[in-house]
Each structure stands twice: as structure tokens, then as C-alpha cells.
PDB file of N, CA and C in Angstrom:
ATOM      1  N   MET A   1      15.776  -6.365   7.428  1.00  0.00           N
ATOM      2  CA  MET A   1      14.792  -6.578   6.901  1.00  0.00           C
ATOM      3  C   MET A   1      14.387  -7.954   8.016  1.00  0.00           C
ATOM      4  N   ARG A   2      12.861  -7.832   7.645  1.00  0.00           N
ATOM      5  CA  ARG A   2      11.811  -8.850   8.737  1.00  0.00           C
ATOM      6  C   ARG A   2      12.201 -10.178   8.069  1.00  0.00           C
ATOM      7  N   ASP A   3      12.364 -11.319   9.061  1.00  0.00           N
ATOM      8  CA  ASP A   3      11.839 -12.859   8.234  1.00  0.00           C
ATOM      9  C   ASP A   3      10.465 -13.230   7.482  1.00  0.00           C
ATOM     10  N   TYR A   4      10.440 -12.826   6.525  1.00  0.00           N
ATOM     11  CA  TYR A   4       9.217 -13.712   5.946  1.00  0.00           C
ATOM     12  C   TYR A   4       8.553 -13.992   6.791  1.00  0.00           C
ATOM     13  N   ASP A   5       8.699 -14.998   7.360  1.00  0.00           N
ATOM     14  CA  ASP A   5       7.604 -16.502   8.357  1.00  0.00           C
ATOM     15  C   ASP A   5       7.041 -15.450   9.072  1.00  0.00           C
ATOM     16  N   GLU A   6       7.736 -14.542   9.856  1.00  0.00           N
ATOM     17  CA  GLU A   6       7.406 -14.102  11.019  1.00  0.00           C
ATOM     18  C   GLU A   6       6.140 -12.751  10.471  1.00  0.00           C
ATOM     19  N   VAL A   7       6.324 -12.279   9.634  1.00  0.00           N
ATOM     20  CA  VAL A   7       5.015 -11.034   8.893  1.00  0.00           C
ATOM     21  C   VAL A   7       4.533 -12.208   8.949  1.00  0.00           C
ATOM     22  N   VAL A   8       4.452 -13.560   8.132  1.00  0.00           N
ATOM     23  CA  VAL A   8       3.323 -13.890   7.312  1.00  0.00           C
ATOM     24  C   VAL A   8       2.255 -14.836   8.648  1.00  0.00           C
ATOM     25  N   GLU A   9       3.268 -14.920   9.979  1.00  0.00           N
ATOM     26  CA  GLU A   9       2.662 -15.296  11.504  1.00  0.00           C
ATOM     27  C   GLU A   9       1.176 -14.117  11.380  1.00  0.00           C
ATOM     28  N   VAL A  10       2.296 -12.828  11.372  1.00  0.00           N
ATOM     29  CA  VAL A  10       1.436 -12.233  11.791  1.00  0.00           C
ATOM     30  C   VAL A  10       0.109 -11.526  11.214  1.00  0.00           C
ATOM     31  N   TYR A  11       0.413 -11.453   9.809  1.00  0.00           N
ATOM     32  CA  TYR A  11      -0.771 -11.625   9.096  1.00  0.00           C
ATOM     33  C   TYR A  11      -1.797 -12.324   8.692  1.00  0.00           C
ATOM     34  N   THR A  12      -1.235 -13.682   9.100  1.00  0.00           N
ATOM     35  CA  THR A  12      -2.310 -14.884   9.022  1.00  0.00           C
ATOM     36  C   THR A  12      -3.280 -14.050  10.787  1.00  0.00           C
ATOM     37  N   TRP A  13      -3.022 -13.972  11.665  1.00  0.00           N
ATOM     38  CA  TRP A  13      -3.921 -13.306  12.962  1.00  0.00           C
ATOM     39  C   TRP A  13      -4.354 -12.622  12.150  1.00  0.00           C
ATOM     40  N   GLN A  14      -3.890 -11.330  11.776  1.00  0.00           N
ATOM     41  CA  GLN A  14      -4.792 -10.500  11.290  1.00  0.00           C
ATOM     42  C   GLN A  14      -6.007 -10.486  10.279  1.00  0.00           C
ATOM     43  N   GLN A  15      -6.095 -11.908   9.732  1.00  0.00           N
ATOM     44  CA  GLN A  15      -7.155 -12.627   8.655  1.00  0.00           C
ATOM     45  C   GLN A  15      -8.078 -12.639   9.425  1.00  0.00           C
ATOM     46  N   GLU A  16      -8.326 -12.223  10.330  1.00  0.00           N
ATOM     47  CA  GLU A  16      -9.823 -13.517  12.052  1.00  0.00           C
ATOM     48  C   GLU A  16     -10.003 -11.911  12.203  1.00  0.00           C
ATOM     49  N   PRO A  17     -10.837 -10.895  11.456  1.00  0.00           N
ATOM     50  CA  PRO A  17     -11.529  -9.892  12.306  1.00  0.00           C
ATOM     51  C   PRO A  17     -12.472 -10.335  13.372  1.00  0.00           C
ATOM     52  N   GLU A  18     -12.704 -11.270  13.020  1.00  0.00           N
ATOM     53  CA  GLU A  18     -14.252 -12.053  13.903  1.00  0.00           C
ATOM     54  C   GLU A  18     -13.837 -11.739  15.153  1.00  0.00           C
ATOM     55  N   SER A  19     -12.766 -12.520  15.475  1.00  0.00           N
ATOM     56  CA  SER A  19     -11.971 -12.666  16.574  1.00  0.00           C
ATOM     57  C   SER A  19     -11.843 -11.510  17.658  1.00  0.00           C
ATOM     58  N   GLY A  20     -12.422 -11.053  17.618  1.00  0.00           N
ATOM     59  CA  GLY A  20     -12.267  -9.379  18.462  1.00  0.00           C
ATOM     60  C   GLY A  20     -11.348  -8.200  18.094  1.00  0.00           C
ATOM     61  N   THR A  21     -11.568  -7.191  18.606  1.00  0.00           N
ATOM     62  CA  THR A  21     -11.146  -6.005  18.370  1.00  0.00           C
ATOM     63  C   THR A  21      -9.970  -5.560  19.340  1.00  0.00           C
ATOM     64  N   GLY A  22      -9.546  -6.427  20.527  1.00  0.00           N
ATOM     65  CA  GLY A  22      -8.719  -5.978  21.238  1.00  0.00           C
ATOM     66  C   GLY A  22      -9.490  -5.214  22.513  1.00  0.00           C
ATOM     67  N   VAL A  23      -8.521  -4.714  23.319  1.00  0.00           N
ATOM     68  CA  VAL A  23      -8.604  -3.874  24.258  1.00  0.00           C
ATOM     69  C   VAL A  23      -9.097  -2.678  23.669  1.00  0.00           C
ATOM     70  N   PRO A  24      -9.989  -2.134  24.159  1.00  0.00           N
ATOM     71  CA  PRO A  24     -10.082  -0.511  23.757  1.00  0.00           C
ATOM     72  C   PRO A  24      -8.892   0.047  24.041  1.00  0.00           C
ATOM     73  N   ALA A  25      -8.890   1.490  23.035  1.00  0.00           N
ATOM     74  CA  ALA A  25      -7.373   1.855  23.111  1.00  0.00           C
ATOM     75  C   ALA A  25      -7.270   2.639  24.425  1.00  0.00           C
ATOM     76  N   ALA A  26      -8.716   2.969  24.803  1.00  0.00           N
ATOM     77  CA  ALA A  26      -8.315   4.084  26.235  1.00  0.00           C
ATOM     78  C   ALA A  26      -8.385   3.317  27.074  1.00  0.00           C
ATOM     79  N   ASP A  27      -8.514   1.832  27.245  1.00  0.00           N
ATOM     80  CA  ASP A  27      -8.178   1.014  28.640  1.00  0.00           C
ATOM     81  C   ASP A  27      -6.919   0.712  28.539  1.00  0.00           C
ATOM     82  N   LEU A  28      -5.831   0.697  27.297  1.00  0.00           N
ATOM     83  CA  LEU A  28      -4.579   0.695  27.303  1.00  0.00           C
ATOM     84  C   LEU A  28      -3.892   1.678  28.139  1.00  0.00           C
ATOM     85  N   ALA A  29      -3.365   0.743  29.052  1.00  0.00           N
ATOM     86  CA  ALA A  29      -1.408   1.647  29.453  1.00  0.00           C
ATOM     87  C   ALA A  29      -1.059   2.299  28.509  1.00  0.00           C
ATOM     88  N   ASP A  30       0.078   3.546  28.598  1.00  0.00           N
ATOM     89  CA  ASP A  30       0.642   4.002  27.437  1.00  0.00           C
ATOM     90  C   ASP A  30       1.596   2.900  27.109  1.00  0.00           C
ATOM     91  N   GLU A  31       2.440   1.822  28.004  1.00  0.00           N
ATOM     92  CA  GLU A  31       2.757   1.325  26.966  1.00  0.00           C
ATOM     93  C   GLU A  31       2.443  -0.224  26.787  1.00  0.00           C
ATOM     94  N   ASP A  32       1.421  -0.424  26.757  1.00  0.00           N
ATOM     95  CA  ASP A  32       0.495  -1.055  26.488  1.00  0.00           C
ATOM     96  C   ASP A  32       0.231  -0.791  24.392  1.00  0.00           C
ATOM     97  N   LEU A  33      -0.361   0.483  24.454  1.00  0.00           N
ATOM     98  CA  LEU A  33      -0.490   1.726  23.395  1.00  0.00           C
ATOM     99  C   LEU A  33       0.416   1.487  22.372  1.00  0.00           C
ATOM    100  N   PHE A  34       1.747   2.053  22.930  1.00  0.00           N
ATOM    101  CA  PHE A  34       3.199   1.914  22.536  1.00  0.00           C
ATOM    102  C   PHE A  34       3.385   0.726  21.588  1.00  0.00           C
ATOM    103  N   ARG A  35       3.226  -0.978  22.372  1.00  0.00           N
ATOM    104  CA  ARG A  35       3.532  -2.017  21.605  1.00  0.00           C
ATOM    105  C   ARG A  35       2.890  -2.166  20.624  1.00  0.00           C
ATOM    106  N   GLU A  36       1.226  -1.723  21.125  1.00  0.00           N
ATOM    107  CA  GLU A  36       0.070  -2.268  19.984  1.00  0.00           C
ATOM    108  C   GLU A  36       0.485  -1.294  18.416  1.00  0.00           C
ATOM    109  N   LEU A  37       0.855   0.112  18.854  1.00  0.00           N
ATOM    110  CA  LEU A  37       0.881   0.902  17.886  1.00  0.00           C
ATOM    111  C   LEU A  37       1.962   0.078  16.922  1.00  0.00           C
ATOM    112  N   ALA A  38       3.298  -0.295  17.045  1.00  0.00           N
ATOM    113  CA  ALA A  38       3.983  -0.547  16.717  1.00  0.00           C
ATOM    114  C   ALA A  38       3.924  -1.974  15.973  1.00  0.00           C
ATOM    115  N   ALA A  39       2.957  -2.738  16.607  1.00  0.00           N
ATOM    116  CA  ALA A  39       3.037  -3.981  16.020  1.00  0.00           C
ATOM    117  C   ALA A  39       1.598  -3.686  14.635  1.00  0.00           C
ATOM    118  N   LEU A  40       0.986  -2.829  14.959  1.00  0.00           N
ATOM    119  CA  LEU A  40      -0.045  -2.584  13.561  1.00  0.00           C
ATOM    120  C   LEU A  40       1.067  -2.152  12.319  1.00  0.00           C
ATOM    121  N   HIS A  41       1.816  -1.013  12.807  1.00  0.00           N
ATOM    122  CA  HIS A  41       2.692  -0.522  12.184  1.00  0.00           C
ATOM    123  C   HIS A  41       3.621  -1.607  11.104  1.00  0.00           C
ATOM    124  N   ARG A  42       4.099  -2.459  11.803  1.00  0.00           N
ATOM    125  CA  ARG A  42       5.064  -3.350  11.714  1.00  0.00           C
ATOM    126  C   ARG A  42       3.777  -4.351  10.127  1.00  0.00           C
ATOM    127  N   THR A  43       2.576  -4.858  10.764  1.00  0.00           N
ATOM    128  CA  THR A  43       2.207  -5.437   9.723  1.00  0.00           C
ATOM    129  C   THR A  43       1.296  -4.375   8.784  1.00  0.00           C
ATOM    130  N   ARG A  44       1.480  -3.241   8.441  1.00  0.00           N
ATOM    131  CA  ARG A  44       0.139  -2.916   7.915  1.00  0.00           C
ATOM    132  C   ARG A  44       1.033  -3.063   6.343  1.00  0.00           C
ATOM    133  N   HIS A  45       2.161  -3.417   6.121  1.00  0.00           N
ATOM    134  CA  HIS A  45       2.008  -3.684   4.591  1.00  0.00           C
ATOM    135  C   HIS A  45       1.612  -4.829   4.072  1.00  0.00           C
ATOM    136  N   ALA A  46       1.849  -5.858   4.702  1.00  0.00           N
ATOM    137  CA  ALA A  46       1.710  -7.298   4.670  1.00  0.00           C
ATOM    138  C   ALA A  46       0.224  -7.387   4.340  1.00  0.00           C
ATOM    139  N   THR A  47      -0.673  -6.824   5.372  1.00  0.00           N
ATOM    140  CA  THR A  47      -2.197  -6.795   5.451  1.00  0.00           C
ATOM    141  C   THR A  47      -2.760  -5.798   4.400  1.00  0.00           C
ATOM    142  N   LEU A  48      -2.400  -4.659   3.820  1.00  0.00           N
ATOM    143  CA  LEU A  48      -2.417  -4.468   2.728  1.00  0.00           C
ATOM    144  C   LEU A  48      -2.357  -4.635   1.374  1.00  0.00           C
ATOM    145  N   ARG A  49      -1.149  -5.312   1.210  1.00  0.00           N
ATOM    146  CA  ARG A  49      -1.013  -6.113   0.278  1.00  0.00           C
ATOM    147  C   ARG A  49      -1.405  -7.348   0.054  1.00  0.00           C
ATOM    148  N   HIS A  50      -1.850  -8.199   1.235  1.00  0.00           N
ATOM    149  CA  HIS A  50      -2.085  -9.702   1.280  1.00  0.00           C
ATOM    150  C   HIS A  50      -3.321  -9.940   1.613  1.00  0.00           C
ATOM    151  N   GLY A  51      -3.970  -9.056   2.712  1.00  0.00           N
ATOM    152  CA  GLY A  51      -4.887  -9.321   3.516  1.00  0.00           C
ATOM    153  C   GLY A  51      -5.991  -9.447   2.635  1.00  0.00           C
ATOM    154  N   SER A  52      -7.358  -9.949   3.126  1.00  0.00           N
ATOM    155  CA  SER A  52      -8.523 -10.244   2.633  1.00  0.00           C
ATOM    156  C   SER A  52      -9.253  -8.569   3.097  1.00  0.00           C
ATOM    157  N   ASP A  53     -10.150  -8.317   2.398  1.00  0.00           N
ATOM    158  CA  ASP A  53     -10.822  -7.172   2.533  1.00  0.00           C
ATOM    159  C   ASP A  53     -11.294  -6.900   3.975  1.00  0.00           C
ATOM    160  N   ALA A  54     -12.025  -8.239   4.663  1.00  0.00           N
ATOM    161  CA  ALA A  54     -12.189  -7.829   6.077  1.00  0.00           C
ATOM    162  C   ALA A  54     -10.823  -7.638   6.925  1.00  0.00           C
ATOM    163  N   ALA A  55     -10.166  -7.872   6.676  1.00  0.00           N
ATOM    164  CA  ALA A  55      -9.003  -7.832   6.958  1.00  0.00           C
ATOM    165  C   ALA A  55      -7.783  -6.755   7.284  1.00  0.00           C
ATOM    166  N   LEU A  56      -8.122  -6.073   6.383  1.00  0.00           N
ATOM    167  CA  LEU A  56      -7.716  -4.981   6.020  1.00  0.00           C
ATOM    168  C   LEU A  56      -8.595  -3.402   6.497  1.00  0.00           C
ATOM    169  N   SER A  57      -9.906  -3.989   6.616  1.00  0.00           N
ATOM    170  CA  SER A  57     -10.783  -3.029   7.204  1.00  0.00           C
ATOM    171  C   SER A  57     -10.763  -3.116   8.141  1.00  0.00           C
ATOM    172  N   HIS A  58     -10.726  -4.418   8.855  1.00  0.00           N
ATOM    173  CA  HIS A  58     -10.349  -4.388  10.650  1.00  0.00           C
ATOM    174  C   HIS A  58      -8.663  -3.708  11.369  1.00  0.00           C
ATOM    175  N   HIS A  59      -7.558  -4.102  10.122  1.00  0.00           N
ATOM    176  CA  HIS A  59      -6.726  -2.998  10.473  1.00  0.00           C
ATOM    177  C   HIS A  59      -7.057  -2.036  10.696  1.00  0.00           C
ATOM    178  N   THR A  60      -7.181  -1.339   9.710  1.00  0.00           N
ATOM    179  CA  THR A  60      -7.635  -0.044   9.548  1.00  0.00           C
ATOM    180  C   THR A  60      -8.666   0.694  10.523  1.00  0.00           C
ATOM    181  N   ASP A  61      -9.382   0.158  10.770  1.00  0.00           N
ATOM    182  CA  ASP A  61     -10.056   0.347  11.675  1.00  0.00           C
ATOM    183  C   ASP A  61      -9.450   0.768  13.324  1.00  0.00           C
ATOM    184  N   ARG A  62      -8.345  -0.620  13.819  1.00  0.00           N
ATOM    185  CA  ARG A  62      -7.579  -0.424  15.219  1.00  0.00           C
ATOM    186  C   ARG A  62      -6.810   0.634  14.667  1.00  0.00           C
ATOM    187  N   LEU A  63      -5.991   0.818  13.746  1.00  0.00           N
ATOM    188  CA  LEU A  63      -5.065   1.316  13.288  1.00  0.00           C
ATOM    189  C   LEU A  63      -5.315   2.720  14.089  1.00  0.00           C
ATOM    190  N   VAL A  64      -6.498   3.406  13.650  1.00  0.00           N
ATOM    191  CA  VAL A  64      -7.332   4.439  13.358  1.00  0.00           C
ATOM    192  C   VAL A  64      -7.560   4.789  14.767  1.00  0.00           C
ATOM    193  N   GLU A  65      -8.243   3.831  15.965  1.00  0.00           N
ATOM    194  CA  GLU A  65      -8.232   3.771  17.218  1.00  0.00           C
ATOM    195  C   GLU A  65      -7.346   4.116  18.077  1.00  0.00           C
ATOM    196  N   LEU A  66      -6.319   3.324  17.794  1.00  0.00           N
ATOM    197  CA  LEU A  66      -5.219   3.362  18.685  1.00  0.00           C
ATOM    198  C   LEU A  66      -4.022   4.836  17.992  1.00  0.00           C
ATOM    199  N   GLU A  67      -4.456   5.618  17.280  1.00  0.00           N
ATOM    200  CA  GLU A  67      -3.622   6.447  16.408  1.00  0.00           C
ATOM    201  C   GLU A  67      -4.403   7.775  17.258  1.00  0.00           C
ATOM    202  N   ALA A  68      -5.661   7.433  17.521  1.00  0.00           N
ATOM    203  CA  ALA A  68      -6.062   8.681  18.018  1.00  0.00           C
ATOM    204  C   ALA A  68      -6.156   9.112  19.427  1.00  0.00           C
ATOM    205  N   ASP A  69      -6.088   7.680  20.033  1.00  0.00           N
ATOM    206  CA  ASP A  69      -5.982   7.859  21.252  1.00  0.00           C
ATOM    207  C   ASP A  69      -4.672   8.378  21.626  1.00  0.00           C
ATOM    208  N   TYR A  70      -3.298   7.561  21.137  1.00  0.00           N
ATOM    209  CA  TYR A  70      -2.452   8.391  21.137  1.00  0.00           C
ATOM    210  C   TYR A  70      -2.288  10.162  21.149  1.00  0.00           C
ATOM    211  N   LEU A  71      -2.966  10.456  20.005  1.00  0.00           N
ATOM    212  CA  LEU A  71      -2.756  11.468  19.789  1.00  0.00           C
ATOM    213  C   LEU A  71      -3.815  12.555  21.201  1.00  0.00           C
ATOM    214  N   ARG A  72      -4.786  12.101  21.488  1.00  0.00           N
ATOM    215  CA  ARG A  72      -5.775  12.554  22.658  1.00  0.00           C
ATOM    216  C   ARG A  72      -4.745  12.506  23.975  1.00  0.00           C
ATOM    217  N   ARG A  73      -3.786  11.742  24.078  1.00  0.00           N
ATOM    218  CA  ARG A  73      -3.023  11.412  24.821  1.00  0.00           C
ATOM    219  C   ARG A  73      -1.448  12.093  25.381  1.00  0.00           C
ATOM    220  N   PHE A  74      -1.217  12.412  23.979  1.00  0.00           N
ATOM    221  CA  PHE A  74       0.013  13.232  23.565  1.00  0.00           C
ATOM    222  C   PHE A  74       0.038  14.003  22.576  1.00  0.00           C
ATOM    223  N   PRO A  75      -1.078  14.867  23.091  1.00  0.00           N
ATOM    224  CA  PRO A  75      -1.253  16.472  21.779  1.00  0.00           C
ATOM    225  C   PRO A  75       0.080  17.512  21.806  1.00  0.00           C
ATOM    226  N   ASP A  76       0.904  17.032  22.528  1.00  0.00           N
ATOM    227  CA  ASP A  76       2.267  17.948  22.553  1.00  0.00           C
ATOM    228  C   ASP A  76       2.982  17.101  22.197  1.00  0.00           C
ATOM    229  N   ARG A  77       3.440  16.083  21.513  1.00  0.00           N
ATOM    230  CA  ARG A  77       3.927  14.885  21.313  1.00  0.00           C
ATOM    231  C   ARG A  77       5.481  15.553  20.433  1.00  0.00           C
ATOM    232  N   GLU A  78       6.701  15.234  20.760  1.00  0.00           N
ATOM    233  CA  GLU A  78       7.593  15.989  19.737  1.00  0.00           C
ATOM    234  C   GLU A  78       7.839  15.940  18.750  1.00  0.00           C
ATOM    235  N   ILE A  79       7.950  17.071  17.556  1.00  0.00           N
ATOM    236  CA  ILE A  79       7.621  16.985  16.209  1.00  0.00           C
ATOM    237  C   ILE A  79       9.247  17.040  16.066  1.00  0.00           C
ATOM    238  N   ASP A  80       9.677  16.471  15.035  1.00  0.00           N
ATOM    239  CA  ASP A  80      10.899  16.525  14.446  1.00  0.00           C
ATOM    240  C   ASP A  80      11.330  17.612  13.431  1.00  0.00           C
ATOM    241  N   PRO A  81      11.709  18.094  13.435  1.00  0.00           N
ATOM    242  CA  PRO A  81      12.142  19.060  12.638  1.00  0.00           C
ATOM    243  C   PRO A  81      12.076  19.351  11.110  1.00  0.00           C
ATOM    244  N   GLU A  82      13.292  18.208  11.310  1.00  0.00           N
ATOM    245  CA  GLU A  82      13.416  17.832   9.596  1.00  0.00           C
ATOM    246  C   GLU A  82      12.134  17.232   8.979  1.00  0.00           C
ATOM    247  N   ARG A  83      10.863  16.913   9.627  1.00  0.00           N
ATOM    248  CA  ARG A  83       9.660  16.630   8.672  1.00  0.00           C
ATOM    249  C   ARG A  83       9.147  17.706   8.878  1.00  0.00           C
ATOM    250  N   LEU A  84       9.040  18.527   9.152  1.00  0.00           N
ATOM    251  CA  LEU A  84       8.328  20.393   8.305  1.00  0.00           C
ATOM    252  C   LEU A  84       8.998  20.379   7.145  1.00  0.00           C
ATOM    253  N   ARG A  85       8.104  21.248   6.704  1.00  0.00           N
ATOM    254  CA  ARG A  85       8.706  22.026   4.995  1.00  0.00           C
ATOM    255  C   ARG A  85       9.919  22.797   5.428  1.00  0.00           C
ATOM    256  N   SER A  86      10.077  23.287   6.591  1.00  0.00           N
ATOM    257  CA  SER A  86      11.027  24.567   6.598  1.00  0.00           C
ATOM    258  C   SER A  86      12.472  23.291   6.916  1.00  0.00           C
ATOM    259  N   GLY A  87      12.101  22.004   7.453  1.00  0.00           N
ATOM    260  CA  GLY A  87      13.095  21.177   7.838  1.00  0.00           C
ATOM    261  C   GLY A  87      13.384  20.906   5.942  1.00  0.00           C
ATOM    262  N   ALA A  88      12.416  20.656   5.465  1.00  0.00           N
ATOM    263  CA  ALA A  88      12.842  19.331   4.057  1.00  0.00           C
ATOM    264  C   ALA A  88      13.637  21.015   3.171  1.00  0.00           C
ATOM    265  N   ARG A  89      12.829  22.145   2.898  1.00  0.00           N
ATOM    266  CA  ARG A  89      13.739  23.604   2.609  1.00  0.00           C
ATOM    267  C   ARG A  89      14.973  23.478   2.819  1.00  0.00           C
ATOM    268  N   ALA A  90      15.622  23.082   4.156  1.00  0.00           N
ATOM    269  CA  ALA A  90      16.931  23.423   4.557  1.00  0.00           C
ATOM    270  C   ALA A  90      17.687  22.262   4.071  1.00  0.00           C
ATOM    271  N   ARG A  91      16.940  21.141   3.533  1.00  0.00           N
ATOM    272  CA  ARG A  91      17.825  20.000   3.241  1.00  0.00           C
ATOM    273  C   ARG A  91      18.537  19.669   1.301  1.00  0.00           C
TER     274      ARG A  91
END
């Protein structure tokens, strides 16, 4: 489990949507895109539960932008068979 102080620190940054939206997703190198996505996924729960409406809106917009660019770049991404209905039925 993550240290609560670490989550609060990231959460506080997320409360400032007027500080900018970051580098456009299309301009990020693959490694940077992965890092940005991981950071947003890591902070999503805290932002949902405790962020202002503006922070949540900003977080959502950025997450959608990055995920859409990820899907554009990797349309043939590896799909885990366990995540499909047939995999769930087999379990």
C-alpha cells in the first residue's frame, strides 16, 4: 500500500488545473506516455474521492487524452485472455 503522504502530495498538485495541462499526448515519447499514464492511474482514486470538481475534471480530461493516444499508438496491444469473457468463464 502506498504511503498516504505520497498520495496527498500528488493529489495537491492535481488540484491546480490552471497550472497547465502538460505536454500534448501526441508530443510525448512512448516512455513518457507510459510514465504519465501510470501517474494518473496511481492518483485517480484520491482525485475522485478528495479533489475539487475542477481537479477531477482536469484529471479526467488528461486521462482521456493520454489513453486515446495510447490506443492510437498501440492498436494491437496485447490482450490478456483472462480479461475476456471466455477467460472469466474458464475460471
